Structures are given as structure tokens and as C-alpha cells.
C-alpha atoms as a PDB file:
ATOM      1  CA  UNK A   1       9.226  22.144  -1.022  1.00  0.00           C
ATOM      2  CA  UNK A   2       7.677  21.659  -4.271  1.00  0.00           C
ATOM      3  CA  UNK A   3       6.519  17.590  -5.353  1.00  0.00           C
ATOM      4  CA  UNK A   4       6.069  16.292  -8.565  1.00  0.00           C
ATOM      5  CA  UNK A   5       3.676  14.051  -9.346  1.00  0.00           C
ATOM      6  CA  UNK A   6       2.652  12.015 -12.842  1.00  0.00           C
ATOM      7  CA  UNK A   7       0.710   9.500 -13.297  1.00  0.00           C
ATOM      8  CA  UNK A   8      -1.007   7.995 -16.477  1.00  0.00           C
ATOM      9  CA  UNK A   9      -3.978   5.155 -17.291  1.00  0.00           C
ATOM     10  CA  UNK A  10      -4.551   3.425 -20.334  1.00  0.00           C
ATOM     11  CA  UNK A  11      -7.664   1.886 -21.096  1.00  0.00           C
ATOM     12  CA  UNK A  12      -7.953  -1.009 -22.627  1.00  0.00           C
ATOM     13  CA  UNK A  13     -10.821  -2.932 -23.958  1.00  0.00           C
ATOM     14  CA  UNK A  14     -13.671  -4.263 -21.934  1.00  0.00           C
ATOM     15  CA  UNK A  15     -12.689  -2.768 -18.389  1.00  0.00           C
ATOM     16  CA  UNK A  16      -9.116  -3.589 -18.547  1.00  0.00           C
ATOM     17  CA  UNK A  17      -6.667  -0.660 -17.856  1.00  0.00           C
ATOM     18  CA  UNK A  18      -2.847  -0.132 -17.254  1.00  0.00           C
ATOM     19  CA  UNK A  19      -1.439   2.388 -15.085  1.00  0.00           C
ATOM     20  CA  UNK A  20       1.630   3.711 -13.864  1.00  0.00           C
ATOM     21  CA  UNK A  21       2.891   6.761 -11.877  1.00  0.00           C
ATOM     22  CA  UNK A  22       6.067   8.570 -10.390  1.00  0.00           C
ATOM     23  CA  UNK A  23       5.782  10.738  -6.785  1.00  0.00           C
ATOM     24  CA  UNK A  24       7.941  12.518  -4.838  1.00  0.00           C
ATOM     25  CA  UNK A  25       7.643  12.115  -1.364  1.00  0.00           C
ATOM     26  CA  UNK A  26       8.531  14.402   1.552  1.00  0.00           C
ATOM     27  CA  UNK A  27       8.475  14.358   5.632  1.00  0.00           C
ATOM     28  CA  UNK A  28       9.041  17.123   7.609  1.00  0.00           C
ATOM     29  CA  UNK A  29      10.908  16.722  11.160  1.00  0.00           C
ATOM     30  CA  UNK A  30       8.695  17.046  14.066  1.00  0.00           C
ATOM     31  CA  UNK A  31       9.244  19.824  16.161  1.00  0.00           C
ATOM     32  CA  UNK A  32      11.602  19.559  19.010  1.00  0.00           C
ATOM     33  CA  UNK A  33      13.660  16.874  16.248  1.00  0.00           C
ATOM     34  CA  UNK A  34      17.545  18.079  16.682  1.00  0.00           C
ATOM     35  CA  UNK A  35      18.972  20.226  14.143  1.00  0.00           C
ATOM     36  CA  UNK A  36      21.360  17.173  12.807  1.00  0.00           C
ATOM     37  CA  UNK A  37      17.942  15.388  11.253  1.00  0.00           C
ATOM     38  CA  UNK A  38      17.067  16.176   7.941  1.00  0.00           C
ATOM     39  CA  UNK A  39      13.460  16.053   6.195  1.00  0.00           C
ATOM     40  CA  UNK A  40      12.929  12.542   4.499  1.00  0.00           C
ATOM     41  CA  UNK A  41      12.652  12.406   0.791  1.00  0.00           C
ATOM     42  CA  UNK A  42      11.911   9.788  -1.741  1.00  0.00           C
ATOM     43  CA  UNK A  43      11.120   8.969  -5.264  1.00  0.00           C
ATOM     44  CA  UNK A  44       7.856   6.424  -5.313  1.00  0.00           C
ATOM     45  CA  UNK A  45       7.072   4.313  -8.716  1.00  0.00           C
ATOM     46  CA  UNK A  46       4.374   2.491  -9.631  1.00  0.00           C
ATOM     47  CA  UNK A  47       2.983   0.254 -12.315  1.00  0.00           C
ATOM     48  CA  UNK A  48      -0.502  -1.690 -12.276  1.00  0.00           C
ATOM     49  CA  UNK A  49      -3.297  -3.368 -14.454  1.00  0.00           C
ATOM     50  CA  UNK A  50      -6.834  -3.567 -13.064  1.00  0.00           C
ATOM     51  CA  UNK A  51      -9.855  -5.207 -14.545  1.00  0.00           C
ATOM     52  CA  UNK A  52     -13.458  -4.650 -13.606  1.00  0.00           C
ATOM     53  CA  UNK A  53     -16.921  -5.708 -14.863  1.00  0.00           C
ATOM     54  CA  UNK A  54     -20.669  -5.280 -12.595  1.00  0.00           C
ATOM     55  CA  UNK A  55     -20.012  -8.587 -11.369  1.00  0.00           C
ATOM     56  CA  UNK A  56     -16.029  -8.481 -10.101  1.00  0.00           C
ATOM     57  CA  UNK A  57     -12.935  -6.275 -10.042  1.00  0.00           C
ATOM     58  CA  UNK A  58      -9.145  -7.078 -10.003  1.00  0.00           C
ATOM     59  CA  UNK A  59      -6.266  -4.825  -9.439  1.00  0.00           C
ATOM     60  CA  UNK A  60      -2.513  -5.741  -9.099  1.00  0.00           C
ATOM     61  CA  UNK A  61       0.237  -3.139  -8.803  1.00  0.00           C
ATOM     62  CA  UNK A  62       4.184  -3.412  -8.768  1.00  0.00           C
ATOM     63  CA  UNK A  63       5.862  -0.372  -6.847  1.00  0.00           C
ATOM     64  CA  UNK A  64       9.346   0.815  -5.642  1.00  0.00           C
ATOM     65  CA  UNK A  65      10.007   3.518  -2.882  1.00  0.00           C
ATOM     66  CA  UNK A  66      13.678   4.644  -2.981  1.00  0.00           C
ATOM     67  CA  UNK A  67      14.476   6.874   0.410  1.00  0.00           C
ATOM     68  CA  UNK A  68      17.058   9.040   0.137  1.00  0.00           C
ATOM     69  CA  UNK A  69      16.603  10.359   3.518  1.00  0.00           C
ATOM     70  CA  UNK A  70      14.728   7.685   5.499  1.00  0.00           C
ATOM     71  CA  UNK A  71      13.378   9.414   9.281  1.00  0.00           C
ATOM     72  CA  UNK A  72      12.361   7.073  11.880  1.00  0.00           C
ATOM     73  CA  UNK A  73      11.239   7.779  15.008  1.00  0.00           C
ATOM     74  CA  UNK A  74      12.695   6.865  18.485  1.00  0.00           C
ATOM     75  CA  UNK A  75      10.540   4.772  20.226  1.00  0.00           C
ATOM     76  CA  UNK A  76      10.409   2.066  23.270  1.00  0.00           C
ATOM     77  CA  UNK A  77       8.816  -0.285  21.137  1.00  0.00           C
ATOM     78  CA  UNK A  78      11.836  -0.185  18.702  1.00  0.00           C
ATOM     79  CA  UNK A  79      14.206  -0.742  21.066  1.00  0.00           C
ATOM     80  CA  UNK A  80      15.151   3.495  21.261  1.00  0.00           C
ATOM     81  CA  UNK A  81      17.288   3.972  24.729  1.00  0.00           C
ATOM     82  CA  UNK A  82      17.248   7.970  23.187  1.00  0.00           C
ATOM     83  CA  UNK A  83      14.771  10.268  24.200  1.00  0.00           C
ATOM     84  CA  UNK A  84      11.579   9.178  22.982  1.00  0.00           C
ATOM     85  CA  UNK A  85       9.593  10.846  20.405  1.00  0.00           C
ATOM     86  CA  UNK A  86      12.806  11.757  18.745  1.00  0.00           C
ATOM     87  CA  UNK A  87      13.441  11.464  14.888  1.00  0.00           C
ATOM     88  CA  UNK A  88      16.628  10.527  13.562  1.00  0.00           C
ATOM     89  CA  UNK A  89      18.003   9.955   9.820  1.00  0.00           C
ATOM     90  CA  UNK A  90      19.069   6.632   8.724  1.00  0.00           C
ATOM     91  CA  UNK A  91      20.059   7.393   5.502  1.00  0.00           C
ATOM     92  CA  UNK A  92      18.780   5.692   1.889  1.00  0.00           C
ATOM     93  CA  UNK A  93      16.536   3.019   2.035  1.00  0.00           C
ATOM     94  CA  UNK A  94      14.205   1.102  -0.716  1.00  0.00           C
ATOM     95  CA  UNK A  95      10.884  -0.809  -0.367  1.00  0.00           C
ATOM     96  CA  UNK A  96       9.392  -2.840  -3.536  1.00  0.00           C
ATOM     97  CA  UNK A  97       6.919  -5.272  -3.656  1.00  0.00           C
ATOM     98  CA  UNK A  98       3.469  -5.898  -5.161  1.00  0.00           C
ATOM     99  CA  UNK A  99      -0.308  -5.165  -3.962  1.00  0.00           C
ATOM    100  CA  UNK A 100      -3.063  -7.095  -5.355  1.00  0.00           C
ATOM    101  CA  UNK A 101      -6.839  -6.930  -4.368  1.00  0.00           C
ATOM    102  CA  UNK A 102     -10.073  -9.161  -5.637  1.00  0.00           C
ATOM    103  CA  UNK A 103     -13.782  -8.422  -5.363  1.00  0.00           C
ATOM    104  CA  UNK A 104     -16.485 -10.156  -6.082  1.00  0.00           C
ATOM    105  CA  UNK A 105     -19.852  -8.550  -6.259  1.00  0.00           C
ATOM    106  CA  UNK A 106     -21.971 -11.665  -5.076  1.00  0.00           C
ATOM    107  CA  UNK A 107     -20.236 -15.089  -3.707  1.00  0.00           C
ATOM    108  CA  UNK A 108     -23.396 -17.152  -4.685  1.00  0.00           C
ATOM    109  CA  UNK A 109     -24.425 -15.274  -7.668  1.00  0.00           C
ATOM    110  CA  UNK A 110     -26.623 -17.820  -9.989  1.00  0.00           C
ATOM    111  CA  UNK A 111     -26.194 -17.848 -13.884  1.00  0.00           C
ATOM    112  CA  UNK A 112     -28.471 -15.328 -15.549  1.00  0.00           C
ATOM    113  CA  UNK A 113     -31.264 -17.373 -17.315  1.00  0.00           C
ATOM    114  CA  UNK A 114     -32.283 -15.947 -20.545  1.00  0.00           C
ATOM    115  CA  UNK A 115     -35.454 -14.064 -20.332  1.00  0.00           C
ATOM    116  CA  UNK A 116     -35.385 -14.217 -16.929  1.00  0.00           C
ATOM    117  CA  UNK A 117     -34.876 -11.595 -14.419  1.00  0.00           C
ATOM    118  CA  UNK A 118     -32.048 -12.542 -12.005  1.00  0.00           C
ATOM    119  CA  UNK A 119     -32.659  -9.606  -9.326  1.00  0.00           C
ATOM    120  CA  UNK A 120     -31.398 -11.248  -6.007  1.00  0.00           C
ATOM    121  CA  UNK A 121     -32.619  -9.154  -3.178  1.00  0.00           C
ATOM    122  CA  UNK A 122     -29.486 -10.497  -0.825  1.00  0.00           C
ATOM    123  CA  UNK A 123     -25.745 -10.479  -2.077  1.00  0.00           C
ATOM    124  CA  UNK A 124     -22.777 -11.502  -0.363  1.00  0.00           C
ATOM    125  CA  UNK A 125     -19.784  -9.649  -1.500  1.00  0.00           C
ATOM    126  CA  UNK A 126     -16.241 -10.820  -1.264  1.00  0.00           C
ATOM    127  CA  UNK A 127     -12.964  -8.861  -1.168  1.00  0.00           C
ATOM    128  CA  UNK A 128      -9.457 -10.362  -0.436  1.00  0.00           C
ATOM    129  CA  UNK A 129      -6.603  -8.092  -0.716  1.00  0.00           C
ATOM    130  CA  UNK A 130      -2.767  -8.832   0.057  1.00  0.00           C
ATOM    131  CA  UNK A 131       0.381  -7.143   0.087  1.00  0.00           C
ATOM    132  CA  UNK A 132       3.778  -8.342  -0.672  1.00  0.00           C
ATOM    133  CA  UNK A 133       7.045  -6.296  -0.046  1.00  0.00           C
ATOM    134  CA  UNK A 134      10.936  -5.851   0.770  1.00  0.00           C
ATOM    135  CA  UNK A 135      12.560  -3.394   2.337  1.00  0.00           C
ATOM    136  CA  UNK A 136      16.301  -2.859   3.044  1.00  0.00           C
ATOM    137  CA  UNK A 137      18.359   0.043   4.378  1.00  0.00           C
ATOM    138  CA  UNK A 138      20.896   0.986   1.739  1.00  0.00           C
ATOM    139  CA  UNK A 139      23.781   2.286   4.374  1.00  0.00           C
ATOM    140  CA  UNK A 140      25.145   2.118   7.875  1.00  0.00           C
ATOM    141  CA  UNK A 141      24.901   5.365  10.234  1.00  0.00           C
ATOM    142  CA  UNK A 142      26.735   6.436  13.288  1.00  0.00           C
ATOM    143  CA  UNK A 143      24.176   4.913  15.461  1.00  0.00           C
ATOM    144  CA  UNK A 144      23.564   1.810  13.217  1.00  0.00           C
ATOM    145  CA  UNK A 145      26.884   0.713  12.121  1.00  0.00           C
ATOM    146  CA  UNK A 146      25.548  -2.600  10.796  1.00  0.00           C
ATOM    147  CA  UNK A 147      22.108  -1.882   9.252  1.00  0.00           C
ATOM    148  CA  UNK A 148      22.887  -1.481   5.321  1.00  0.00           C
ATOM    149  CA  UNK A 149      21.064  -4.564   4.025  1.00  0.00           C
ATOM    150  CA  UNK A 150      18.420  -5.097   6.755  1.00  0.00           C
ATOM    151  CA  UNK A 151      14.937  -5.208   6.721  1.00  0.00           C
ATOM    152  CA  UNK A 152      13.503  -1.748   7.578  1.00  0.00           C
ATOM    153  CA  UNK A 153      11.982  -1.763  11.085  1.00  0.00           C
ATOM    154  CA  UNK A 154       8.203  -2.196  11.126  1.00  0.00           C
ATOM    155  CA  UNK A 155       7.908  -2.557   7.547  1.00  0.00           C
ATOM    156  CA  UNK A 156       5.775  -5.805   7.074  1.00  0.00           C
ATOM    157  CA  UNK A 157       7.312  -8.670   4.400  1.00  0.00           C
ATOM    158  CA  UNK A 158       3.435  -9.699   4.001  1.00  0.00           C
ATOM    159  CA  UNK A 159       0.027  -8.657   4.772  1.00  0.00           C
ATOM    160  CA  UNK A 160      -3.647 -10.036   4.029  1.00  0.00           C
ATOM    161  CA  UNK A 161      -7.444  -8.963   4.439  1.00  0.00           C
ATOM    162  CA  UNK A 162     -10.584 -10.548   3.358  1.00  0.00           C
ATOM    163  CA  UNK A 163     -13.758  -9.666   4.113  1.00  0.00           C
ATOM    164  CA  UNK A 164     -17.547 -11.513   3.467  1.00  0.00           C
ATOM    165  CA  UNK A 165     -20.541  -9.262   3.582  1.00  0.00           C
ATOM    166  CA  UNK A 166     -24.319  -9.874   3.236  1.00  0.00           C
ATOM    167  CA  UNK A 167     -26.251  -7.136   1.526  1.00  0.00           C
ATOM    168  CA  UNK A 168     -29.734  -6.673   1.153  1.00  0.00           C
ATOM    169  CA  UNK A 169     -31.685  -3.448  -0.053  1.00  0.00           C
ATOM    170  CA  UNK A 170     -32.171  -2.229   3.696  1.00  0.00           C
ATOM    171  CA  UNK A 171     -28.720  -3.228   5.368  1.00  0.00           C
ATOM    172  CA  UNK A 172     -25.720  -4.645   4.804  1.00  0.00           C
ATOM    173  CA  UNK A 173     -23.144  -6.226   7.383  1.00  0.00           C
ATOM    174  CA  UNK A 174     -19.615  -6.926   6.542  1.00  0.00           C
ATOM    175  CA  UNK A 175     -16.978  -9.308   8.751  1.00  0.00           C
ATOM    176  CA  UNK A 176     -13.684  -8.795   8.038  1.00  0.00           C
END
């Protein structure tokens, strides 16, 4: 299977960038899976903006994933009563959303004074990242006659991560 991937970055002044990409996705069926199952294929699109400096970094990305043939696994956790571990096709599906990340090199940085070195030996880096997304089955199947329009199992609508650290020249610790 040959897959195509294209991406580009346009650099703007002051550490800013606009970027985009297209990538084909492919997931083969697992060993022992029914001959009726087909490999998963998808088209993945993204468009984003990032900006960085020595003091901070920010990134926002919009994405869209179009599954031609979503491949799912039979698990007790998702209510499957068939052979645990078997893979099956769920047809077309879409996932779209926004990812974001913000990093601050030192949460408690003192302002720089003219003519004075501001070499603080302790820094407190902060990171916040998150994901907002929607997912949806695009059709019904024989096994799931009413799945069209429903959310894809185990694809969260929202995720967030935050961490705060303490760094010195000799050691660092992060709580996230």
C-alpha cells in the first residue's frame, strides 16, 4: 500500500508560521480477522498557526479526518458480544476538531530591567494543551442498523492537559 503525504509551512515575521497538510491513512486488518473485513483507509487534513519566542509558544490546529472504511475491534468494554479481539468494518466516518497548545517558559518571570542581567536560577514552566472534536458514523451497517450520525465509540469530545514544573540548572520536576 502506497500512501501520500504532503505538508507545507509558511514562515511569517516574529516567529509566526502558518502550516497545512494532507496525509493518507491506512490500517491493515489484524491476523485472524474475518476475510470479510477490509483495511481501514482515511484522508487527513490539517491547517494550523503557531507562534513562538524564547518566553512562550502557542499553536492552534484545525483538522478533519475522513474514514472510507473505519476498522473497529470487538471488545467487552465497548459492548461487543462476538469474538473478543475480532476486527470489523464500520463503514464511513468523520472526525473534525481543533487542537491547541500554549507553553510559557517561566510563569513567574521577573520583567527584564535595562542593563541588569536577569539570570534567575529557578524557572517555572507552564504547559496547557487541549482537544475539541466531533466524530460521526457516516452510514449504517448490517451489524449496526442505527449507527449513522452517532458518535464514534471511544472518541472523546474534549481532552485537556496542564502541567507546571520547576527547573534549576541541576534538576527539574513537573506535575501534570
